[in-house]
Amino acid sequence: FDEGPGKEGNYGPYRQSNRKDLYKKYAETLIASG
């Protein structure tokens, strides 16, 4: 792979467990928009 764990690019982190703080706000955005 070109980007991923151990080959960090500009779009990391590449493990979802390290990204878990991201998702709640997107879920709440969907609630706000109905």
PDB file of all heavy atoms in Angstrom:
ATOM      1  N   PHE A   1       0.837  -1.211   0.000  1.00  0.00           N
ATOM      2  CA  PHE A   1       0.000   0.000   0.000  1.00  0.00           C
ATOM      3  C   PHE A   1       0.869   1.257   0.000  1.00  0.00           C
ATOM      4  O   PHE A   1       2.014   1.237   0.454  1.00  0.00           O
ATOM      5  CB  PHE A   1      -0.963  -0.014   1.197  1.00  0.00           C
ATOM      6  CG  PHE A   1      -0.304  -0.245   2.537  1.00  0.00           C
ATOM      7  CD1 PHE A   1       0.124   0.818   3.315  1.00  0.00           C
ATOM      8  CD2 PHE A   1      -0.116  -1.538   3.020  1.00  0.00           C
ATOM      9  CE1 PHE A   1       0.738   0.610   4.541  1.00  0.00           C
ATOM     10  CE2 PHE A   1       0.500  -1.760   4.256  1.00  0.00           C
ATOM     11  CZ  PHE A   1       0.920  -0.676   5.020  1.00  0.00           C
ATOM     12  N   ASP A   2       0.284   2.349  -0.502  1.00  0.00           N
ATOM     13  CA  ASP A   2       0.988   3.641  -0.541  1.00  0.00           C
ATOM     14  C   ASP A   2       0.819   4.407   0.765  1.00  0.00           C
ATOM     15  O   ASP A   2       1.701   5.164   1.164  1.00  0.00           O
ATOM     16  CB  ASP A   2       0.455   4.495  -1.690  1.00  0.00           C
ATOM     17  CG  ASP A   2       0.645   3.820  -3.033  1.00  0.00           C
ATOM     18  OD1 ASP A   2       1.792   3.452  -3.342  1.00  0.00           O
ATOM     19  OD2 ASP A   2      -0.343   3.643  -3.771  1.00  0.00           O
ATOM     20  N   GLU A   3      -0.353   4.257   1.379  1.00  0.00           N
ATOM     21  CA  GLU A   3      -0.641   4.901   2.672  1.00  0.00           C
ATOM     22  C   GLU A   3      -1.321   3.868   3.564  1.00  0.00           C
ATOM     23  O   GLU A   3      -2.102   3.054   3.087  1.00  0.00           O
ATOM     24  CB  GLU A   3      -1.630   6.064   2.502  1.00  0.00           C
ATOM     25  CG  GLU A   3      -1.124   7.269   1.776  1.00  0.00           C
ATOM     26  CD  GLU A   3      -2.273   8.248   1.491  1.00  0.00           C
ATOM     27  OE1 GLU A   3      -3.231   8.298   2.290  1.00  0.00           O
ATOM     28  OE2 GLU A   3      -2.199   8.937   0.467  1.00  0.00           O
ATOM     29  N   GLY A   4      -1.043   3.959   4.847  1.00  0.00           N
ATOM     30  CA  GLY A   4      -1.673   3.036   5.791  1.00  0.00           C
ATOM     31  C   GLY A   4      -0.885   3.009   7.083  1.00  0.00           C
ATOM     32  O   GLY A   4       0.036   3.817   7.283  1.00  0.00           O
ATOM     33  N   PRO A   5      -1.212   2.070   7.975  1.00  0.00           N
ATOM     34  CA  PRO A   5      -0.475   1.978   9.239  1.00  0.00           C
ATOM     35  C   PRO A   5       1.028   1.801   8.991  1.00  0.00           C
ATOM     36  O   PRO A   5       1.435   0.916   8.244  1.00  0.00           O
ATOM     37  CB  PRO A   5      -1.070   0.720   9.897  1.00  0.00           C
ATOM     38  CG  PRO A   5      -2.413   0.562   9.271  1.00  0.00           C
ATOM     39  CD  PRO A   5      -2.268   1.051   7.870  1.00  0.00           C
ATOM     40  N   GLY A   6       1.815   2.695   9.582  1.00  0.00           N
ATOM     41  CA  GLY A   6       3.269   2.621   9.394  1.00  0.00           C
ATOM     42  C   GLY A   6       3.750   3.360   8.154  1.00  0.00           C
ATOM     43  O   GLY A   6       4.943   3.520   7.937  1.00  0.00           O
ATOM     44  N   LYS A   7       2.824   3.772   7.287  1.00  0.00           N
ATOM     45  CA  LYS A   7       3.171   4.566   6.089  1.00  0.00           C
ATOM     46  C   LYS A   7       2.209   5.745   6.074  1.00  0.00           C
ATOM     47  O   LYS A   7       1.341   5.848   5.226  1.00  0.00           O
ATOM     48  CB  LYS A   7       2.976   3.743   4.816  1.00  0.00           C
ATOM     49  CG  LYS A   7       4.108   2.829   4.439  1.00  0.00           C
ATOM     50  CD  LYS A   7       3.869   2.328   3.024  1.00  0.00           C
ATOM     51  CE  LYS A   7       4.708   1.077   2.760  1.00  0.00           C
ATOM     52  NZ  LYS A   7       4.338   0.484   1.466  1.00  0.00           N
ATOM     53  N   GLU A   8       2.356   6.591   7.060  1.00  0.00           N
ATOM     54  CA  GLU A   8       1.377   7.663   7.266  1.00  0.00           C
ATOM     55  C   GLU A   8       1.416   8.675   6.119  1.00  0.00           C
ATOM     56  O   GLU A   8       2.469   9.163   5.748  1.00  0.00           O
ATOM     57  CB  GLU A   8       1.659   8.389   8.595  1.00  0.00           C
ATOM     58  CG  GLU A   8       1.674   7.472   9.822  1.00  0.00           C
ATOM     59  CD  GLU A   8       0.398   6.686  10.032  1.00  0.00           C
ATOM     60  OE1 GLU A   8      -0.683   7.275   9.868  1.00  0.00           O
ATOM     61  OE2 GLU A   8       0.471   5.479  10.348  1.00  0.00           O
ATOM     62  N   GLY A   9       0.243   8.956   5.567  1.00  0.00           N
ATOM     63  CA  GLY A   9       0.104  10.002   4.553  1.00  0.00           C
ATOM     64  C   GLY A   9      -0.602  11.193   5.190  1.00  0.00           C
ATOM     65  O   GLY A   9      -0.531  11.387   6.414  1.00  0.00           O
ATOM     66  N   ASN A  10      -1.317  11.957   4.402  1.00  0.00           N
ATOM     67  CA  ASN A  10      -1.996  13.160   4.913  1.00  0.00           C
ATOM     68  C   ASN A  10      -3.430  12.890   5.369  1.00  0.00           C
ATOM     69  O   ASN A  10      -4.159  13.818   5.689  1.00  0.00           O
ATOM     70  CB  ASN A  10      -2.023  14.240   3.822  1.00  0.00           C
ATOM     71  CG  ASN A  10      -0.620  14.641   3.414  1.00  0.00           C
ATOM     72  OD1 ASN A  10       0.280  14.668   4.247  1.00  0.00           O
ATOM     73  ND2 ASN A  10      -0.420  14.921   2.143  1.00  0.00           N
ATOM     74  N   TYR A  11      -3.836  11.606   5.367  1.00  0.00           N
ATOM     75  CA  TYR A  11      -5.247  11.305   5.630  1.00  0.00           C
ATOM     76  C   TYR A  11      -5.436  10.371   6.825  1.00  0.00           C
ATOM     77  O   TYR A  11      -6.483   9.772   6.970  1.00  0.00           O
ATOM     78  CB  TYR A  11      -5.877  10.670   4.379  1.00  0.00           C
ATOM     79  CG  TYR A  11      -5.860  11.576   3.164  1.00  0.00           C
ATOM     80  CD1 TYR A  11      -4.738  11.624   2.326  1.00  0.00           C
ATOM     81  CD2 TYR A  11      -6.935  12.393   2.864  1.00  0.00           C
ATOM     82  CE1 TYR A  11      -4.707  12.461   1.209  1.00  0.00           C
ATOM     83  CE2 TYR A  11      -6.925  13.230   1.748  1.00  0.00           C
ATOM     84  CZ  TYR A  11      -5.803  13.259   0.926  1.00  0.00           C
ATOM     85  OH  TYR A  11      -5.784  14.075  -0.168  1.00  0.00           O
ATOM     86  N   GLY A  12      -4.418  10.232   7.646  1.00  0.00           N
ATOM     87  CA  GLY A  12      -4.469   9.308   8.782  1.00  0.00           C
ATOM     88  C   GLY A  12      -5.269   9.877   9.938  1.00  0.00           C
ATOM     89  O   GLY A  12      -5.790  10.997   9.851  1.00  0.00           O
ATOM     90  N   PRO A  13      -5.381   9.154  11.055  1.00  0.00           N
ATOM     91  CA  PRO A  13      -4.824   7.804  11.203  1.00  0.00           C
ATOM     92  C   PRO A  13      -5.586   6.779  10.353  1.00  0.00           C
ATOM     93  O   PRO A  13      -6.703   7.034   9.911  1.00  0.00           O
ATOM     94  CB  PRO A  13      -4.979   7.517  12.700  1.00  0.00           C
ATOM     95  CG  PRO A  13      -6.028   8.463  13.184  1.00  0.00           C
ATOM     96  CD  PRO A  13      -6.021   9.642  12.296  1.00  0.00           C
ATOM     97  N   TYR A  14      -4.923   5.613  10.121  1.00  0.00           N
ATOM     98  CA  TYR A  14      -5.467   4.620   9.198  1.00  0.00           C
ATOM     99  C   TYR A  14      -6.066   3.418   9.918  1.00  0.00           C
ATOM    100  O   TYR A  14      -6.347   2.403   9.278  1.00  0.00           O
ATOM    101  CB  TYR A  14      -4.370   4.188   8.206  1.00  0.00           C
ATOM    102  CG  TYR A  14      -3.953   5.335   7.316  1.00  0.00           C
ATOM    103  CD1 TYR A  14      -2.907   6.188   7.672  1.00  0.00           C
ATOM    104  CD2 TYR A  14      -4.634   5.604   6.140  1.00  0.00           C
ATOM    105  CE1 TYR A  14      -2.539   7.255   6.870  1.00  0.00           C
ATOM    106  CE2 TYR A  14      -4.274   6.683   5.324  1.00  0.00           C
ATOM    107  CZ  TYR A  14      -3.228   7.500   5.693  1.00  0.00           C
ATOM    108  OH  TYR A  14      -2.871   8.565   4.898  1.00  0.00           O
ATOM    109  N   ARG A  15      -6.237   3.541  11.218  1.00  0.00           N
ATOM    110  CA  ARG A  15      -6.997   2.534  11.988  1.00  0.00           C
ATOM    111  C   ARG A  15      -8.253   3.214  12.488  1.00  0.00           C
ATOM    112  O   ARG A  15      -8.192   4.288  13.095  1.00  0.00           O
ATOM    113  CB  ARG A  15      -6.187   2.035  13.194  1.00  0.00           C
ATOM    114  CG  ARG A  15      -5.054   1.135  12.869  1.00  0.00           C
ATOM    115  CD  ARG A  15      -4.370   0.612  14.132  1.00  0.00           C
ATOM    116  NE  ARG A  15      -3.043   0.136  13.798  1.00  0.00           N
ATOM    117  CZ  ARG A  15      -1.948   0.888  13.844  1.00  0.00           C
ATOM    118  NH1 ARG A  15      -2.037   2.164  14.231  1.00  0.00           N
ATOM    119  NH2 ARG A  15      -0.783   0.374  13.520  1.00  0.00           N
ATOM    120  N   GLN A  16      -9.404   2.588  12.288  1.00  0.00           N
ATOM    121  CA  GLN A  16     -10.657   3.230  12.701  1.00  0.00           C
ATOM    122  C   GLN A  16     -10.725   3.447  14.214  1.00  0.00           C
ATOM    123  O   GLN A  16     -11.312   4.421  14.669  1.00  0.00           O
ATOM    124  CB  GLN A  16     -11.853   2.398  12.222  1.00  0.00           C
ATOM    125  CG  GLN A  16     -12.166   2.655  10.763  1.00  0.00           C
ATOM    126  CD  GLN A  16     -13.446   2.006  10.307  1.00  0.00           C
ATOM    127  OE1 GLN A  16     -13.918   1.063  10.910  1.00  0.00           O
ATOM    128  NE2 GLN A  16     -14.000   2.509   9.214  1.00  0.00           N
ATOM    129  N   SER A  17     -10.106   2.549  14.979  1.00  0.00           N
ATOM    130  CA  SER A  17     -10.156   2.713  16.441  1.00  0.00           C
ATOM    131  C   SER A  17      -9.455   4.006  16.870  1.00  0.00           C
ATOM    132  O   SER A  17      -9.769   4.566  17.919  1.00  0.00           O
ATOM    133  CB  SER A  17      -9.520   1.501  17.136  1.00  0.00           C
ATOM    134  OG  SER A  17      -8.187   1.338  16.694  1.00  0.00           O
ATOM    135  N   ASN A  18      -8.511   4.489  16.050  1.00  0.00           N
ATOM    136  CA  ASN A  18      -7.820   5.749  16.357  1.00  0.00           C
ATOM    137  C   ASN A  18      -8.582   6.971  15.830  1.00  0.00           C
ATOM    138  O   ASN A  18      -8.161   8.101  16.013  1.00  0.00           O
ATOM    139  CB  ASN A  18      -6.412   5.758  15.734  1.00  0.00           C
ATOM    140  CG  ASN A  18      -5.528   4.672  16.319  1.00  0.00           C
ATOM    141  OD1 ASN A  18      -5.790   4.176  17.398  1.00  0.00           O
ATOM    142  ND2 ASN A  18      -4.494   4.283  15.599  1.00  0.00           N
ATOM    143  N   ARG A  19      -9.703   6.707  15.159  1.00  0.00           N
ATOM    144  CA  ARG A  19     -10.477   7.792  14.564  1.00  0.00           C
ATOM    145  C   ARG A  19     -11.842   7.945  15.238  1.00  0.00           C
ATOM    146  O   ARG A  19     -12.681   8.719  14.774  1.00  0.00           O
ATOM    147  CB  ARG A  19     -10.708   7.504  13.069  1.00  0.00           C
ATOM    148  CG  ARG A  19      -9.444   7.361  12.250  1.00  0.00           C
ATOM    149  CD  ARG A  19      -9.721   6.817  10.841  1.00  0.00           C
ATOM    150  NE  ARG A  19     -10.495   7.745  10.031  1.00  0.00           N
ATOM    151  CZ  ARG A  19      -9.991   8.752   9.329  1.00  0.00           C
ATOM    152  NH1 ARG A  19      -8.683   8.983   9.332  1.00  0.00           N
ATOM    153  NH2 ARG A  19     -10.765   9.547   8.626  1.00  0.00           N
ATOM    154  N   LYS A  20     -12.078   7.198  16.337  1.00  0.00           N
ATOM    155  CA  LYS A  20     -13.453   7.088  16.857  1.00  0.00           C
ATOM    156  C   LYS A  20     -14.052   8.419  17.333  1.00  0.00           C
ATOM    157  O   LYS A  20     -15.273   8.575  17.316  1.00  0.00           O
ATOM    158  CB  LYS A  20     -13.545   6.024  17.957  1.00  0.00           C
ATOM    159  CG  LYS A  20     -12.760   6.288  19.205  1.00  0.00           C
ATOM    160  CD  LYS A  20     -12.933   5.123  20.158  1.00  0.00           C
ATOM    161  CE  LYS A  20     -12.166   5.358  21.440  1.00  0.00           C
ATOM    162  NZ  LYS A  20     -12.247   4.209  22.332  1.00  0.00           N
ATOM    163  N   ASP A  21     -13.201   9.378  17.688  1.00  0.00           N
ATOM    164  CA  ASP A  21     -13.739  10.678  18.126  1.00  0.00           C
ATOM    165  C   ASP A  21     -14.382  11.457  16.967  1.00  0.00           C
ATOM    166  O   ASP A  21     -15.143  12.397  17.186  1.00  0.00           O
ATOM    167  CB  ASP A  21     -12.616  11.534  18.745  1.00  0.00           C
ATOM    168  CG  ASP A  21     -12.045  10.876  19.995  1.00  0.00           C
ATOM    169  OD1 ASP A  21     -12.755  10.021  20.561  1.00  0.00           O
ATOM    170  OD2 ASP A  21     -10.907  11.187  20.380  1.00  0.00           O
ATOM    171  N   LEU A  22     -14.056  11.057  15.742  1.00  0.00           N
ATOM    172  CA  LEU A  22     -14.575  11.758  14.573  1.00  0.00           C
ATOM    173  C   LEU A  22     -16.068  11.520  14.341  1.00  0.00           C
ATOM    174  O   LEU A  22     -16.779  12.387  13.865  1.00  0.00           O
ATOM    175  CB  LEU A  22     -13.879  11.217  13.306  1.00  0.00           C
ATOM    176  CG  LEU A  22     -12.470  11.647  12.972  1.00  0.00           C
ATOM    177  CD1 LEU A  22     -11.957  10.800  11.815  1.00  0.00           C
ATOM    178  CD2 LEU A  22     -12.493  13.112  12.547  1.00  0.00           C
ATOM    179  N   TYR A  23     -16.506  10.283  14.643  1.00  0.00           N
ATOM    180  CA  TYR A  23     -17.773   9.825  14.080  1.00  0.00           C
ATOM    181  C   TYR A  23     -19.014  10.402  14.753  1.00  0.00           C
ATOM    182  O   TYR A  23     -20.043  10.575  14.110  1.00  0.00           O
ATOM    183  CB  TYR A  23     -17.824   8.290  14.096  1.00  0.00           C
ATOM    184  CG  TYR A  23     -16.637   7.654  13.412  1.00  0.00           C
ATOM    185  CD1 TYR A  23     -15.705   6.893  14.121  1.00  0.00           C
ATOM    186  CD2 TYR A  23     -16.422   7.839  12.045  1.00  0.00           C
ATOM    187  CE1 TYR A  23     -14.612   6.323  13.490  1.00  0.00           C
ATOM    188  CE2 TYR A  23     -15.325   7.272  11.408  1.00  0.00           C
ATOM    189  CZ  TYR A  23     -14.415   6.514  12.138  1.00  0.00           C
ATOM    190  OH  TYR A  23     -13.324   5.957  11.514  1.00  0.00           O
ATOM    191  N   LYS A  24     -18.914  10.704  16.036  1.00  0.00           N
ATOM    192  CA  LYS A  24     -20.101  11.139  16.771  1.00  0.00           C
ATOM    193  C   LYS A  24     -20.686  12.424  16.173  1.00  0.00           C
ATOM    194  O   LYS A  24     -21.891  12.545  15.980  1.00  0.00           O
ATOM    195  CB  LYS A  24     -19.767  11.334  18.258  1.00  0.00           C
ATOM    196  CG  LYS A  24     -21.029  11.534  19.088  1.00  0.00           C
ATOM    197  CD  LYS A  24     -20.749  11.647  20.570  1.00  0.00           C
ATOM    198  CE  LYS A  24     -22.065  11.779  21.319  1.00  0.00           C
ATOM    199  NZ  LYS A  24     -21.886  12.089  22.727  1.00  0.00           N
ATOM    200  N   LYS A  25     -19.810  13.350  15.819  1.00  0.00           N
ATOM    201  CA  LYS A  25     -20.325  14.640  15.298  1.00  0.00           C
ATOM    202  C   LYS A  25     -21.043  14.442  13.970  1.00  0.00           C
ATOM    203  O   LYS A  25     -22.019  15.138  13.660  1.00  0.00           O
ATOM    204  CB  LYS A  25     -19.211  15.672  15.193  1.00  0.00           C
ATOM    205  CG  LYS A  25     -18.231  15.472  14.075  1.00  0.00           C
ATOM    206  CD  LYS A  25     -17.335  16.701  13.859  1.00  0.00           C
ATOM    207  CE  LYS A  25     -16.439  16.470  12.664  1.00  0.00           C
ATOM    208  NZ  LYS A  25     -15.612  17.587  12.327  1.00  0.00           N
ATOM    209  N   TYR A  26     -20.581  13.455  13.172  1.00  0.00           N
ATOM    210  CA  TYR A  26     -21.247  13.189  11.894  1.00  0.00           C
ATOM    211  C   TYR A  26     -22.616  12.548  12.125  1.00  0.00           C
ATOM    212  O   TYR A  26     -23.581  12.856  11.403  1.00  0.00           O
ATOM    213  CB  TYR A  26     -20.367  12.306  11.002  1.00  0.00           C
ATOM    214  CG  TYR A  26     -19.187  13.075  10.447  1.00  0.00           C
ATOM    215  CD1 TYR A  26     -17.912  12.939  11.007  1.00  0.00           C
ATOM    216  CD2 TYR A  26     -19.338  13.962   9.386  1.00  0.00           C
ATOM    217  CE1 TYR A  26     -16.826  13.648  10.521  1.00  0.00           C
ATOM    218  CE2 TYR A  26     -18.263  14.685   8.877  1.00  0.00           C
ATOM    219  CZ  TYR A  26     -17.016  14.528   9.454  1.00  0.00           C
ATOM    220  OH  TYR A  26     -15.953  15.247   8.962  1.00  0.00           O
ATOM    221  N   ALA A  27     -22.691  11.658  13.122  1.00  0.00           N
ATOM    222  CA  ALA A  27     -23.982  11.050  13.465  1.00  0.00           C
ATOM    223  C   ALA A  27     -24.953  12.136  13.931  1.00  0.00           C
ATOM    224  O   ALA A  27     -26.136  12.148  13.555  1.00  0.00           O
ATOM    225  CB  ALA A  27     -23.786   9.992  14.545  1.00  0.00           C
ATOM    226  N   GLU A  28     -24.457  13.069  14.741  1.00  0.00           N
ATOM    227  CA  GLU A  28     -25.313  14.153  15.259  1.00  0.00           C
ATOM    228  C   GLU A  28     -25.740  15.112  14.144  1.00  0.00           C
ATOM    229  O   GLU A  28     -26.841  15.668  14.171  1.00  0.00           O
ATOM    230  CB  GLU A  28     -24.586  14.898  16.380  1.00  0.00           C
ATOM    231  CG  GLU A  28     -24.511  14.060  17.652  1.00  0.00           C
ATOM    232  CD  GLU A  28     -23.567  14.625  18.707  1.00  0.00           C
ATOM    233  OE1 GLU A  28     -22.764  15.517  18.366  1.00  0.00           O
ATOM    234  OE2 GLU A  28     -23.627  14.150  19.866  1.00  0.00           O
ATOM    235  N   THR A  29     -24.861  15.280  13.129  1.00  0.00           N
ATOM    236  CA  THR A  29     -25.216  16.104  11.966  1.00  0.00           C
ATOM    237  C   THR A  29     -26.437  15.517  11.253  1.00  0.00           C
ATOM    238  O   THR A  29     -27.337  16.239  10.829  1.00  0.00           O
ATOM    239  CB  THR A  29     -24.023  16.174  10.976  1.00  0.00           C
ATOM    240  OG1 THR A  29     -22.907  16.740  11.647  1.00  0.00           O
ATOM    241  CG2 THR A  29     -24.350  17.003   9.742  1.00  0.00           C
ATOM    242  N   LEU A  30     -26.451  14.188  11.142  1.00  0.00           N
ATOM    243  CA  LEU A  30     -27.577  13.523  10.473  1.00  0.00           C
ATOM    244  C   LEU A  30     -28.866  13.675  11.282  1.00  0.00           C
ATOM    245  O   LEU A  30     -29.947  13.819  10.709  1.00  0.00           O
ATOM    246  CB  LEU A  30     -27.260  12.036  10.264  1.00  0.00           C
ATOM    247  CG  LEU A  30     -26.168  11.725   9.229  1.00  0.00           C
ATOM    248  CD1 LEU A  30     -25.864  10.235   9.213  1.00  0.00           C
ATOM    249  CD2 LEU A  30     -26.577  12.190   7.833  1.00  0.00           C
ATOM    250  N   ILE A  31     -28.739  13.639  12.612  1.00  0.00           N
ATOM    251  CA  ILE A  31     -29.931  13.848  13.461  1.00  0.00           C
ATOM    252  C   ILE A  31     -30.445  15.282  13.269  1.00  0.00           C
ATOM    253  O   ILE A  31     -31.643  15.501  13.055  1.00  0.00           O
ATOM    254  CB  ILE A  31     -29.607  13.563  14.940  1.00  0.00           C
ATOM    255  CG1 ILE A  31     -29.463  12.057  15.148  1.00  0.00           C
ATOM    256  CG2 ILE A  31     -30.701  14.128  15.862  1.00  0.00           C
ATOM    257  CD1 ILE A  31     -29.077  11.620  16.529  1.00  0.00           C
ATOM    258  N   ALA A  32     -29.542  16.231  13.280  1.00  0.00           N
ATOM    259  CA  ALA A  32     -29.927  17.648  13.133  1.00  0.00           C
ATOM    260  C   ALA A  32     -30.617  17.917  11.794  1.00  0.00           C
ATOM    261  O   ALA A  32     -31.523  18.746  11.709  1.00  0.00           O
ATOM    262  CB  ALA A  32     -28.692  18.531  13.274  1.00  0.00           C
ATOM    263  N   SER A  33     -30.188  17.180  10.741  1.00  0.00           N
ATOM    264  CA  SER A  33     -30.786  17.403   9.410  1.00  0.00           C
ATOM    265  C   SER A  33     -32.019  16.540   9.174  1.00  0.00           C
ATOM    266  O   SER A  33     -32.602  16.576   8.089  1.00  0.00           O
ATOM    267  CB  SER A  33     -29.746  17.135   8.320  1.00  0.00           C
ATOM    268  OG  SER A  33     -29.367  15.763   8.331  1.00  0.00           O
ATOM    269  N   GLY A  34     -32.385  15.709  10.185  1.00  0.00           N
ATOM    270  CA  GLY A  34     -33.591  14.884  10.057  1.00  0.00           C
ATOM    271  C   GLY A  34     -33.379  13.585   9.303  1.00  0.00           C
ATOM    272  O   GLY A  34     -34.340  12.893   8.961  1.00  0.00           O
TER     273      GLY A  34
END
